[in-house]
Amino acid sequence: MIPPGKPETGDDALITAARQGDGAAFARLFRRHADAVRTRITRLVGPVAERDDLVQKVFIAFHRGLPAYRGEARLSTYLHRIAVNTAYDHLRDRRRWAASEGPPDAEALAELVSPRLEDQVAARADLARLLALLDQLSPKKRIAFVLVAVEGCSLAEAAALIGAREDTVKQRALQARRDLLARLAAATGTPETPPVEGSS
């Protein structure tokens, strides 16, 4: 058992305690990593009502996998791999916004972008348009594009999270970019500017 009142206890010690049935240790792991997992889930699937349920699914999967977790990767990386898989499953089952959800609110939309990208967005309406376009992509293309183009992950980082080769991730991200540009051009009536092949 982890003694209370030790906020700097490392993940490894908490994982060891959680494996031994220490619920408080697992709760501390959840509190430490839940916000980051929720942010990634939000960026991958959008500000949907099910976000918190998806975060819970990530940690349920992590808890079930504790006996097999060997620590080859950092816990944050391991959790985000589960988050990517959970997001993929959700996107595969839900390709478009449910009519009952209505438009996402502006506060939730702000979570989708990094400060760097948000500075380049002229208005919240642009974010809503981006979400609508992202919903038209296949789950694999969407996840690759969000990880690389929105979050700024390197191809190696994105490949590790997705569980695919770097070339595969690059092609998915490029195809997603082409699709988004084509759909944006169609929606706005402006000519499409083809992306430069091989750009990241």
N, C-alpha and C. Protein backbone atom coordinates (compact mmCIF):
# COMPACT_ATOMS: atom_id res chain seq x y z
N MET A 1 0.84 -1.20 0.00
CA MET A 1 0.00 0.00 0.00
C MET A 1 0.88 1.25 0.00
N ILE A 2 0.45 2.25 -0.76
CA ILE A 2 1.18 3.51 -0.80
C ILE A 2 0.73 4.38 0.37
N PRO A 3 1.65 4.85 1.22
CA PRO A 3 1.24 5.71 2.32
C PRO A 3 0.62 6.99 1.79
N PRO A 4 -0.42 7.50 2.48
CA PRO A 4 -1.04 8.74 2.03
C PRO A 4 -0.10 9.92 2.24
N GLY A 5 -0.41 11.01 1.54
CA GLY A 5 0.35 12.24 1.76
C GLY A 5 1.68 12.28 1.07
N LYS A 6 1.89 11.45 0.01
CA LYS A 6 3.16 11.47 -0.73
C LYS A 6 2.86 11.75 -2.20
N PRO A 7 2.63 13.02 -2.56
CA PRO A 7 2.20 13.35 -3.90
C PRO A 7 3.21 13.06 -4.99
N GLU A 8 4.50 12.90 -4.61
CA GLU A 8 5.53 12.71 -5.63
C GLU A 8 5.80 11.24 -5.94
N THR A 9 4.96 10.34 -5.41
CA THR A 9 5.14 8.93 -5.70
C THR A 9 5.10 8.71 -7.20
N GLY A 10 6.09 7.99 -7.72
CA GLY A 10 6.19 7.79 -9.16
C GLY A 10 5.15 6.81 -9.68
N ASP A 11 4.96 6.86 -11.01
CA ASP A 11 3.98 5.96 -11.63
C ASP A 11 4.31 4.50 -11.37
N ASP A 12 5.59 4.14 -11.42
CA ASP A 12 5.96 2.73 -11.26
C ASP A 12 5.53 2.20 -9.91
N ALA A 13 5.74 2.99 -8.85
CA ALA A 13 5.34 2.55 -7.52
C ALA A 13 3.83 2.44 -7.41
N LEU A 14 3.13 3.37 -8.03
CA LEU A 14 1.67 3.33 -7.99
C LEU A 14 1.14 2.13 -8.78
N ILE A 15 1.79 1.82 -9.91
CA ILE A 15 1.37 0.67 -10.70
C ILE A 15 1.58 -0.62 -9.91
N THR A 16 2.73 -0.72 -9.25
CA THR A 16 2.99 -1.90 -8.44
C THR A 16 1.93 -2.06 -7.36
N ALA A 17 1.60 -0.97 -6.68
CA ALA A 17 0.58 -1.02 -5.64
C ALA A 17 -0.79 -1.36 -6.22
N ALA A 18 -1.11 -0.78 -7.39
CA ALA A 18 -2.40 -1.05 -8.01
C ALA A 18 -2.52 -2.51 -8.41
N ARG A 19 -1.41 -3.10 -8.87
CA ARG A 19 -1.42 -4.53 -9.22
C ARG A 19 -1.76 -5.39 -8.01
N GLN A 20 -1.40 -4.91 -6.83
CA GLN A 20 -1.64 -5.65 -5.59
C GLN A 20 -3.01 -5.34 -5.00
N GLY A 21 -3.83 -4.63 -5.78
CA GLY A 21 -5.19 -4.37 -5.33
C GLY A 21 -5.41 -3.06 -4.61
N ASP A 22 -4.43 -2.18 -4.63
CA ASP A 22 -4.55 -0.89 -3.96
C ASP A 22 -5.38 0.06 -4.82
N GLY A 23 -6.65 0.21 -4.47
CA GLY A 23 -7.54 1.08 -5.22
C GLY A 23 -7.15 2.53 -5.16
N ALA A 24 -6.60 2.95 -4.02
CA ALA A 24 -6.19 4.35 -3.88
C ALA A 24 -5.04 4.67 -4.82
N ALA A 25 -4.14 3.72 -5.01
CA ALA A 25 -3.01 3.93 -5.93
C ALA A 25 -3.53 4.08 -7.36
N PHE A 26 -4.49 3.26 -7.74
CA PHE A 26 -5.03 3.37 -9.09
C PHE A 26 -5.77 4.69 -9.25
N ALA A 27 -6.47 5.11 -8.21
CA ALA A 27 -7.18 6.39 -8.27
C ALA A 27 -6.20 7.55 -8.47
N ARG A 28 -5.03 7.45 -7.84
CA ARG A 28 -4.01 8.50 -8.03
C ARG A 28 -3.47 8.49 -9.46
N LEU A 29 -3.31 7.31 -10.04
CA LEU A 29 -2.90 7.23 -11.44
C LEU A 29 -3.96 7.87 -12.34
N PHE A 30 -5.22 7.60 -12.03
CA PHE A 30 -6.30 8.19 -12.82
C PHE A 30 -6.27 9.71 -12.73
N ARG A 31 -6.17 10.23 -11.51
CA ARG A 31 -6.16 11.69 -11.34
C ARG A 31 -4.97 12.32 -12.04
N ARG A 32 -3.84 11.63 -12.04
CA ARG A 32 -2.62 12.17 -12.63
C ARG A 32 -2.70 12.23 -14.15
N HIS A 33 -3.36 11.27 -14.77
CA HIS A 33 -3.31 11.16 -16.23
C HIS A 33 -4.64 11.40 -16.94
N ALA A 34 -5.73 11.50 -16.21
CA ALA A 34 -7.05 11.58 -16.85
C ALA A 34 -7.21 12.82 -17.71
N ASP A 35 -6.72 13.97 -17.24
CA ASP A 35 -6.90 15.20 -18.02
C ASP A 35 -6.20 15.12 -19.38
N ALA A 36 -4.98 14.58 -19.39
CA ALA A 36 -4.25 14.46 -20.65
C ALA A 36 -4.95 13.48 -21.59
N VAL A 37 -5.46 12.39 -21.05
CA VAL A 37 -6.18 11.42 -21.86
C VAL A 37 -7.46 12.05 -22.42
N ARG A 38 -8.15 12.80 -21.60
CA ARG A 38 -9.39 13.44 -22.04
C ARG A 38 -9.10 14.46 -23.16
N THR A 39 -8.01 15.20 -23.03
CA THR A 39 -7.65 16.17 -24.06
C THR A 39 -7.39 15.47 -25.39
N ARG A 40 -6.64 14.36 -25.34
CA ARG A 40 -6.36 13.64 -26.58
C ARG A 40 -7.62 13.04 -27.17
N ILE A 41 -8.45 12.46 -26.33
CA ILE A 41 -9.72 11.90 -26.81
C ILE A 41 -10.54 12.99 -27.49
N THR A 42 -10.59 14.16 -26.87
CA THR A 42 -11.37 15.27 -27.43
C THR A 42 -10.84 15.68 -28.79
N ARG A 43 -9.52 15.76 -28.91
CA ARG A 43 -8.94 16.15 -30.20
C ARG A 43 -9.20 15.11 -31.27
N LEU A 44 -9.25 13.84 -30.88
CA LEU A 44 -9.42 12.78 -31.86
C LEU A 44 -10.86 12.60 -32.30
N VAL A 45 -11.81 12.70 -31.36
CA VAL A 45 -13.21 12.40 -31.71
C VAL A 45 -14.09 13.63 -31.72
N GLY A 46 -13.58 14.77 -31.21
CA GLY A 46 -14.40 15.97 -31.13
C GLY A 46 -15.04 16.10 -29.75
N PRO A 47 -15.65 17.24 -29.49
CA PRO A 47 -16.24 17.49 -28.16
C PRO A 47 -17.60 16.82 -28.01
N VAL A 48 -17.62 15.51 -28.16
CA VAL A 48 -18.88 14.77 -28.11
C VAL A 48 -19.27 14.48 -26.67
N ALA A 49 -20.55 14.19 -26.49
CA ALA A 49 -21.06 13.96 -25.14
C ALA A 49 -20.42 12.73 -24.49
N GLU A 50 -19.93 11.81 -25.31
CA GLU A 50 -19.40 10.55 -24.77
C GLU A 50 -17.95 10.64 -24.32
N ARG A 51 -17.35 11.82 -24.33
CA ARG A 51 -15.92 11.92 -24.02
C ARG A 51 -15.58 11.29 -22.67
N ASP A 52 -16.34 11.62 -21.65
CA ASP A 52 -16.01 11.09 -20.32
C ASP A 52 -16.16 9.57 -20.28
N ASP A 53 -17.16 9.06 -21.00
CA ASP A 53 -17.31 7.61 -21.07
C ASP A 53 -16.10 6.97 -21.76
N LEU A 54 -15.59 7.63 -22.79
CA LEU A 54 -14.42 7.09 -23.49
C LEU A 54 -13.19 7.12 -22.59
N VAL A 55 -13.04 8.19 -21.80
CA VAL A 55 -11.92 8.24 -20.85
C VAL A 55 -12.03 7.09 -19.85
N GLN A 56 -13.25 6.84 -19.36
CA GLN A 56 -13.45 5.72 -18.44
C GLN A 56 -13.07 4.40 -19.10
N LYS A 57 -13.42 4.25 -20.39
CA LYS A 57 -13.06 3.02 -21.11
C LYS A 57 -11.55 2.84 -21.18
N VAL A 58 -10.84 3.94 -21.39
CA VAL A 58 -9.38 3.87 -21.46
C VAL A 58 -8.82 3.32 -20.14
N PHE A 59 -9.30 3.85 -19.03
CA PHE A 59 -8.74 3.44 -17.75
C PHE A 59 -9.25 2.06 -17.32
N ILE A 60 -10.43 1.68 -17.76
CA ILE A 60 -10.89 0.31 -17.51
C ILE A 60 -9.99 -0.67 -18.26
N ALA A 61 -9.69 -0.34 -19.52
CA ALA A 61 -8.79 -1.20 -20.29
C ALA A 61 -7.41 -1.26 -19.66
N PHE A 62 -6.93 -0.11 -19.18
CA PHE A 62 -5.63 -0.08 -18.51
C PHE A 62 -5.65 -0.95 -17.26
N HIS A 63 -6.71 -0.84 -16.46
CA HIS A 63 -6.81 -1.63 -15.22
C HIS A 63 -6.80 -3.12 -15.54
N ARG A 64 -7.56 -3.49 -16.57
CA ARG A 64 -7.60 -4.91 -16.95
C ARG A 64 -6.25 -5.39 -17.45
N GLY A 65 -5.49 -4.47 -18.07
CA GLY A 65 -4.20 -4.85 -18.63
C GLY A 65 -3.03 -4.73 -17.66
N LEU A 66 -3.30 -4.32 -16.43
CA LEU A 66 -2.21 -4.12 -15.46
C LEU A 66 -1.30 -5.35 -15.32
N PRO A 67 -1.86 -6.57 -15.22
CA PRO A 67 -0.97 -7.74 -15.05
C PRO A 67 0.01 -7.90 -16.21
N ALA A 68 -0.37 -7.46 -17.41
CA ALA A 68 0.50 -7.65 -18.58
C ALA A 68 1.40 -6.44 -18.84
N TYR A 69 1.15 -5.34 -18.14
CA TYR A 69 1.95 -4.13 -18.40
C TYR A 69 3.35 -4.32 -17.84
N ARG A 70 4.35 -4.17 -18.70
CA ARG A 70 5.73 -4.43 -18.29
C ARG A 70 6.57 -3.16 -18.26
N GLY A 71 6.00 -2.05 -18.65
CA GLY A 71 6.72 -0.79 -18.54
C GLY A 71 7.75 -0.55 -19.63
N GLU A 72 7.60 -1.25 -20.79
CA GLU A 72 8.55 -0.98 -21.88
C GLU A 72 8.42 0.46 -22.37
N ALA A 73 7.21 0.98 -22.36
CA ALA A 73 6.97 2.38 -22.71
C ALA A 73 6.52 3.13 -21.46
N ARG A 74 6.70 4.45 -21.49
CA ARG A 74 6.22 5.27 -20.37
C ARG A 74 4.72 5.07 -20.23
N LEU A 75 4.23 5.21 -19.00
CA LEU A 75 2.81 4.99 -18.76
C LEU A 75 1.96 5.95 -19.60
N SER A 76 2.40 7.20 -19.73
CA SER A 76 1.62 8.16 -20.51
C SER A 76 1.50 7.69 -21.96
N THR A 77 2.58 7.15 -22.52
CA THR A 77 2.54 6.65 -23.89
C THR A 77 1.60 5.45 -24.00
N TYR A 78 1.69 4.56 -23.04
CA TYR A 78 0.83 3.37 -23.01
C TYR A 78 -0.64 3.76 -22.95
N LEU A 79 -0.96 4.72 -22.07
CA LEU A 79 -2.34 5.17 -21.93
C LEU A 79 -2.84 5.83 -23.21
N HIS A 80 -1.96 6.58 -23.87
CA HIS A 80 -2.39 7.26 -25.07
C HIS A 80 -2.56 6.29 -26.25
N ARG A 81 -1.82 5.18 -26.23
CA ARG A 81 -2.07 4.14 -27.23
C ARG A 81 -3.47 3.58 -27.04
N ILE A 82 -3.84 3.32 -25.78
CA ILE A 82 -5.19 2.83 -25.50
C ILE A 82 -6.21 3.88 -25.92
N ALA A 83 -5.91 5.16 -25.66
CA ALA A 83 -6.83 6.24 -26.02
C ALA A 83 -7.05 6.29 -27.53
N VAL A 84 -5.97 6.12 -28.30
CA VAL A 84 -6.08 6.14 -29.76
C VAL A 84 -6.95 4.98 -30.23
N ASN A 85 -6.74 3.79 -29.67
CA ASN A 85 -7.55 2.64 -30.06
C ASN A 85 -9.02 2.84 -29.68
N THR A 86 -9.24 3.42 -28.51
CA THR A 86 -10.61 3.68 -28.06
C THR A 86 -11.28 4.70 -28.97
N ALA A 87 -10.54 5.74 -29.34
CA ALA A 87 -11.08 6.75 -30.26
C ALA A 87 -11.39 6.14 -31.62
N TYR A 88 -10.49 5.28 -32.10
CA TYR A 88 -10.72 4.63 -33.39
C TYR A 88 -12.00 3.81 -33.37
N ASP A 89 -12.20 3.03 -32.31
CA ASP A 89 -13.41 2.21 -32.20
C ASP A 89 -14.65 3.09 -32.19
N HIS A 90 -14.57 4.20 -31.46
CA HIS A 90 -15.71 5.11 -31.38
C HIS A 90 -16.01 5.73 -32.75
N LEU A 91 -14.97 6.19 -33.45
CA LEU A 91 -15.17 6.82 -34.75
C LEU A 91 -15.68 5.82 -35.79
N ARG A 92 -15.22 4.60 -35.67
CA ARG A 92 -15.67 3.57 -36.62
C ARG A 92 -17.17 3.31 -36.47
N ASP A 93 -17.64 3.37 -35.22
CA ASP A 93 -19.05 3.13 -34.97
C ASP A 93 -19.91 4.37 -35.22
N ARG A 94 -19.30 5.52 -35.19
CA ARG A 94 -20.06 6.77 -35.35
C ARG A 94 -19.35 7.67 -36.36
N ARG A 95 -19.82 7.62 -37.59
CA ARG A 95 -19.15 8.37 -38.64
C ARG A 95 -19.64 9.80 -38.76
N ARG A 96 -20.81 10.07 -38.23
CA ARG A 96 -21.33 11.42 -38.32
C ARG A 96 -21.94 11.83 -36.99
N TRP A 97 -22.09 13.15 -36.79
CA TRP A 97 -22.71 13.64 -35.56
C TRP A 97 -24.13 13.12 -35.46
N ALA A 98 -24.51 12.65 -34.27
CA ALA A 98 -25.91 12.29 -34.04
C ALA A 98 -26.73 13.57 -34.04
N ALA A 99 -27.90 13.52 -34.65
CA ALA A 99 -28.71 14.73 -34.76
C ALA A 99 -29.09 15.27 -33.39
N SER A 100 -29.21 14.39 -32.42
CA SER A 100 -29.64 14.84 -31.09
C SER A 100 -28.57 15.61 -30.35
N GLU A 101 -27.30 15.51 -30.80
CA GLU A 101 -26.23 16.18 -30.08
C GLU A 101 -26.24 17.67 -30.32
N GLY A 102 -26.66 18.10 -31.51
CA GLY A 102 -26.62 19.52 -31.83
C GLY A 102 -25.19 19.98 -32.04
N PRO A 103 -24.98 21.25 -32.34
CA PRO A 103 -23.63 21.76 -32.58
C PRO A 103 -22.81 21.80 -31.30
N PRO A 104 -21.50 21.54 -31.35
CA PRO A 104 -20.66 21.61 -30.17
C PRO A 104 -20.54 23.04 -29.68
N ASP A 105 -20.39 23.19 -28.35
CA ASP A 105 -20.30 24.54 -27.82
C ASP A 105 -18.89 25.10 -28.01
N ALA A 106 -18.77 26.42 -27.98
CA ALA A 106 -17.50 27.08 -28.26
C ALA A 106 -16.45 26.72 -27.23
N GLU A 107 -16.86 26.54 -25.98
CA GLU A 107 -15.90 26.20 -24.92
C GLU A 107 -15.24 24.87 -25.22
N ALA A 108 -16.06 23.89 -25.61
CA ALA A 108 -15.51 22.56 -25.92
C ALA A 108 -14.66 22.60 -27.17
N LEU A 109 -15.04 23.40 -28.14
CA LEU A 109 -14.25 23.48 -29.37
C LEU A 109 -12.83 23.93 -29.10
N ALA A 110 -12.66 24.81 -28.12
CA ALA A 110 -11.33 25.35 -27.83
C ALA A 110 -10.37 24.26 -27.40
N GLU A 111 -10.90 23.13 -26.86
CA GLU A 111 -10.04 22.04 -26.40
C GLU A 111 -9.42 21.29 -27.57
N LEU A 112 -9.97 21.46 -28.75
CA LEU A 112 -9.52 20.66 -29.89
C LEU A 112 -8.20 21.09 -30.46
N VAL A 113 -7.80 22.32 -30.20
CA VAL A 113 -6.62 22.83 -30.88
C VAL A 113 -5.56 23.27 -29.90
N SER A 114 -4.32 23.18 -30.34
CA SER A 114 -3.23 23.70 -29.54
C SER A 114 -3.26 25.21 -29.61
N PRO A 115 -2.65 25.91 -28.65
CA PRO A 115 -2.62 27.37 -28.72
C PRO A 115 -2.04 27.88 -30.03
N ARG A 116 -1.05 27.18 -30.57
CA ARG A 116 -0.44 27.61 -31.82
C ARG A 116 -1.46 27.62 -32.95
N LEU A 117 -2.24 26.55 -33.05
CA LEU A 117 -3.23 26.48 -34.12
C LEU A 117 -4.39 27.43 -33.84
N GLU A 118 -4.77 27.52 -32.58
CA GLU A 118 -5.91 28.37 -32.24
C GLU A 118 -5.63 29.83 -32.60
N ASP A 119 -4.37 30.24 -32.48
CA ASP A 119 -4.02 31.61 -32.85
C ASP A 119 -4.27 31.87 -34.33
N GLN A 120 -4.24 30.81 -35.14
CA GLN A 120 -4.39 30.98 -36.58
C GLN A 120 -5.84 30.89 -37.03
N VAL A 121 -6.70 30.54 -36.10
CA VAL A 121 -8.11 30.38 -36.45
C VAL A 121 -8.83 31.71 -36.28
N ALA A 122 -9.47 32.19 -37.31
CA ALA A 122 -10.07 33.52 -37.28
C ALA A 122 -11.32 33.56 -36.42
N ALA A 123 -12.06 32.48 -36.36
CA ALA A 123 -13.31 32.53 -35.61
C ALA A 123 -13.69 31.12 -35.19
N ARG A 124 -14.57 31.04 -34.19
CA ARG A 124 -15.04 29.73 -33.73
C ARG A 124 -15.76 28.99 -34.85
N ALA A 125 -16.38 29.73 -35.76
CA ALA A 125 -17.09 29.09 -36.87
C ALA A 125 -16.14 28.25 -37.71
N ASP A 126 -14.88 28.68 -37.80
CA ASP A 126 -13.90 27.90 -38.56
C ASP A 126 -13.67 26.54 -37.90
N LEU A 127 -13.68 26.53 -36.57
CA LEU A 127 -13.51 25.27 -35.86
C LEU A 127 -14.70 24.35 -36.11
N ALA A 128 -15.89 24.92 -36.11
CA ALA A 128 -17.07 24.11 -36.37
C ALA A 128 -17.00 23.50 -37.77
N ARG A 129 -16.52 24.29 -38.74
CA ARG A 129 -16.38 23.78 -40.10
C ARG A 129 -15.34 22.67 -40.15
N LEU A 130 -14.23 22.85 -39.41
CA LEU A 130 -13.20 21.83 -39.37
C LEU A 130 -13.75 20.53 -38.81
N LEU A 131 -14.52 20.63 -37.73
CA LEU A 131 -15.11 19.43 -37.14
C LEU A 131 -16.01 18.71 -38.13
N ALA A 132 -16.83 19.47 -38.84
CA ALA A 132 -17.74 18.86 -39.80
C ALA A 132 -16.95 18.15 -40.90
N LEU A 133 -15.84 18.74 -41.33
CA LEU A 133 -15.01 18.12 -42.36
C LEU A 133 -14.30 16.88 -41.82
N LEU A 134 -13.79 16.97 -40.60
CA LEU A 134 -13.12 15.81 -40.00
C LEU A 134 -14.06 14.63 -39.89
N ASP A 135 -15.33 14.91 -39.60
CA ASP A 135 -16.31 13.83 -39.46
C ASP A 135 -16.52 13.06 -40.76
N GLN A 136 -16.11 13.65 -41.90
CA GLN A 136 -16.27 12.98 -43.18
C GLN A 136 -15.08 12.09 -43.55
N LEU A 137 -14.02 12.17 -42.76
CA LEU A 137 -12.85 11.33 -43.00
C LEU A 137 -13.05 9.96 -42.40
N SER A 138 -12.34 8.97 -42.95
CA SER A 138 -12.33 7.66 -42.31
C SER A 138 -11.63 7.78 -40.96
N PRO A 139 -11.96 6.92 -39.99
CA PRO A 139 -11.31 6.99 -38.68
C PRO A 139 -9.78 6.95 -38.76
N LYS A 140 -9.23 6.09 -39.61
CA LYS A 140 -7.77 5.97 -39.69
C LYS A 140 -7.13 7.24 -40.21
N LYS A 141 -7.72 7.84 -41.25
CA LYS A 141 -7.18 9.10 -41.78
C LYS A 141 -7.32 10.22 -40.75
N ARG A 142 -8.47 10.28 -40.11
CA ARG A 142 -8.72 11.35 -39.15
C ARG A 142 -7.72 11.31 -38.00
N ILE A 143 -7.51 10.13 -37.44
CA ILE A 143 -6.60 10.01 -36.31
C ILE A 143 -5.18 10.36 -36.71
N ALA A 144 -4.74 9.88 -37.87
CA ALA A 144 -3.38 10.22 -38.34
C ALA A 144 -3.25 11.72 -38.54
N PHE A 145 -4.24 12.34 -39.15
CA PHE A 145 -4.18 13.78 -39.43
C PHE A 145 -4.16 14.58 -38.13
N VAL A 146 -5.02 14.23 -37.18
CA VAL A 146 -5.08 14.98 -35.92
C VAL A 146 -3.76 14.85 -35.16
N LEU A 147 -3.23 13.66 -35.09
CA LEU A 147 -1.98 13.46 -34.35
C LEU A 147 -0.83 14.26 -34.98
N VAL A 148 -0.73 14.21 -36.31
CA VAL A 148 0.41 14.84 -36.99
C VAL A 148 0.19 16.33 -37.21
N ALA A 149 -0.96 16.70 -37.76
CA ALA A 149 -1.18 18.08 -38.18
C ALA A 149 -1.71 18.98 -37.07
N VAL A 150 -2.53 18.43 -36.18
CA VAL A 150 -3.12 19.25 -35.12
C VAL A 150 -2.26 19.21 -33.86
N GLU A 151 -1.89 18.00 -33.43
CA GLU A 151 -1.12 17.88 -32.19
C GLU A 151 0.38 18.09 -32.40
N GLY A 152 0.84 17.98 -33.64
CA GLY A 152 2.25 18.19 -33.91
C GLY A 152 3.14 17.02 -33.57
N CYS A 153 2.57 15.81 -33.49
CA CYS A 153 3.39 14.63 -33.24
C CYS A 153 4.30 14.38 -34.45
N SER A 154 5.48 13.87 -34.18
CA SER A 154 6.33 13.41 -35.28
C SER A 154 5.72 12.14 -35.85
N LEU A 155 6.16 11.77 -37.06
CA LEU A 155 5.66 10.54 -37.64
C LEU A 155 5.98 9.34 -36.76
N ALA A 156 7.16 9.36 -36.14
CA ALA A 156 7.55 8.26 -35.26
C ALA A 156 6.63 8.19 -34.04
N GLU A 157 6.33 9.34 -33.45
CA GLU A 157 5.45 9.37 -32.29
C GLU A 157 4.04 8.89 -32.66
N ALA A 158 3.53 9.41 -33.78
CA ALA A 158 2.19 9.01 -34.21
C ALA A 158 2.13 7.53 -34.54
N ALA A 159 3.17 7.03 -35.19
CA ALA A 159 3.21 5.61 -35.54
C ALA A 159 3.20 4.74 -34.29
N ALA A 160 3.94 5.17 -33.25
CA ALA A 160 3.98 4.40 -32.01
C ALA A 160 2.60 4.38 -31.34
N LEU A 161 1.89 5.50 -31.39
CA LEU A 161 0.58 5.56 -30.77
C LEU A 161 -0.45 4.76 -31.55
N ILE A 162 -0.36 4.81 -32.88
CA ILE A 162 -1.34 4.13 -33.72
C ILE A 162 -1.03 2.64 -33.85
N GLY A 163 0.26 2.31 -33.79
CA GLY A 163 0.66 0.92 -34.01
C GLY A 163 0.78 0.61 -35.49
N ALA A 164 1.31 1.57 -36.25
CA ALA A 164 1.48 1.39 -37.69
C ALA A 164 2.86 1.89 -38.10
N ARG A 165 3.25 1.59 -39.34
CA ARG A 165 4.53 2.07 -39.84
C ARG A 165 4.46 3.58 -40.10
N GLU A 166 5.62 4.23 -40.02
CA GLU A 166 5.67 5.68 -40.25
C GLU A 166 5.16 6.04 -41.64
N ASP A 167 5.54 5.26 -42.66
CA ASP A 167 5.09 5.53 -44.02
C ASP A 167 3.57 5.46 -44.12
N THR A 168 2.99 4.50 -43.40
CA THR A 168 1.54 4.35 -43.41
C THR A 168 0.87 5.57 -42.79
N VAL A 169 1.40 6.02 -41.66
CA VAL A 169 0.85 7.20 -40.99
C VAL A 169 0.98 8.42 -41.89
N LYS A 170 2.14 8.56 -42.53
CA LYS A 170 2.36 9.71 -43.42
C LYS A 170 1.35 9.72 -44.56
N GLN A 171 1.13 8.56 -45.18
CA GLN A 171 0.18 8.49 -46.29
C GLN A 171 -1.24 8.79 -45.83
N ARG A 172 -1.61 8.29 -44.65
CA ARG A 172 -2.96 8.57 -44.14
C ARG A 172 -3.13 10.06 -43.87
N ALA A 173 -2.11 10.70 -43.28
CA ALA A 173 -2.19 12.12 -42.97
C ALA A 173 -2.26 12.95 -44.25
N LEU A 174 -1.45 12.57 -45.27
CA LEU A 174 -1.47 13.28 -46.54
C LEU A 174 -2.81 13.11 -47.26
N GLN A 175 -3.34 11.89 -47.24
CA GLN A 175 -4.63 11.65 -47.87
C GLN A 175 -5.73 12.43 -47.16
N ALA A 176 -5.64 12.49 -45.83
CA ALA A 176 -6.62 13.25 -45.06
C ALA A 176 -6.54 14.73 -45.42
N ARG A 177 -5.32 15.24 -45.56
CA ARG A 177 -5.14 16.64 -45.91
C ARG A 177 -5.73 16.93 -47.29
N ARG A 178 -5.47 16.04 -48.24
CA ARG A 178 -6.03 16.21 -49.59
C ARG A 178 -7.55 16.20 -49.54
N ASP A 179 -8.10 15.24 -48.79
CA ASP A 179 -9.55 15.14 -48.68
C ASP A 179 -10.14 16.40 -48.05
N LEU A 180 -9.50 16.89 -46.99
CA LEU A 180 -9.99 18.09 -46.31
C LEU A 180 -9.96 19.30 -47.22
N LEU A 181 -8.84 19.45 -47.97
CA LEU A 181 -8.74 20.57 -48.90
C LEU A 181 -9.81 20.51 -49.98
N ALA A 182 -10.06 19.31 -50.50
CA ALA A 182 -11.07 19.14 -51.54
C ALA A 182 -12.46 19.47 -51.00
N ARG A 183 -12.75 18.98 -49.79
CA ARG A 183 -14.07 19.22 -49.21
C ARG A 183 -14.24 20.69 -48.83
N LEU A 184 -13.14 21.30 -48.35
CA LEU A 184 -13.21 22.72 -48.01
C LEU A 184 -13.45 23.55 -49.27
N ALA A 185 -12.76 23.20 -50.35
CA ALA A 185 -12.94 23.92 -51.60
C ALA A 185 -14.38 23.78 -52.10
N ALA A 186 -14.92 22.57 -51.96
CA ALA A 186 -16.30 22.35 -52.40
C ALA A 186 -17.29 23.13 -51.54
N ALA A 187 -16.99 23.21 -50.24
CA ALA A 187 -17.92 23.88 -49.33
C ALA A 187 -17.89 25.40 -49.49
N THR A 188 -16.73 25.94 -49.84
CA THR A 188 -16.58 27.39 -49.91
C THR A 188 -16.61 27.92 -51.34
N GLY A 189 -16.56 26.99 -52.32
CA GLY A 189 -16.58 27.42 -53.71
C GLY A 189 -15.28 28.02 -54.19
N THR A 190 -14.18 27.70 -53.47
CA THR A 190 -12.87 28.22 -53.87
C THR A 190 -12.08 27.11 -54.53
N PRO A 191 -11.16 27.46 -55.44
CA PRO A 191 -10.35 26.43 -56.09
C PRO A 191 -9.49 25.70 -55.08
N GLU A 192 -9.34 24.42 -55.29
CA GLU A 192 -8.50 23.61 -54.40
C GLU A 192 -7.04 23.81 -54.77
N THR A 193 -6.21 24.05 -53.74
CA THR A 193 -4.76 24.13 -53.96
C THR A 193 -4.15 22.80 -53.58
N PRO A 194 -3.63 22.05 -54.52
CA PRO A 194 -3.12 20.72 -54.20
C PRO A 194 -1.92 20.81 -53.27
N PRO A 195 -1.86 19.92 -52.24
CA PRO A 195 -0.70 19.91 -51.35
C PRO A 195 0.53 19.43 -52.06
N VAL A 196 1.68 19.80 -51.56
CA VAL A 196 2.94 19.36 -52.12
C VAL A 196 3.19 17.92 -51.69
N GLU A 197 3.42 17.06 -52.65
CA GLU A 197 3.66 15.66 -52.32
C GLU A 197 4.91 15.54 -51.46
N GLY A 198 4.77 14.63 -50.45
CA GLY A 198 5.92 14.38 -49.57
C GLY A 198 6.01 15.35 -48.41
N SER A 199 5.11 16.34 -48.35
CA SER A 199 5.13 17.25 -47.21
C SER A 199 4.53 16.56 -46.02
N SER A 200 4.90 17.03 -44.84
CA SER A 200 4.39 16.38 -43.65
C SER A 200 3.38 17.25 -42.99
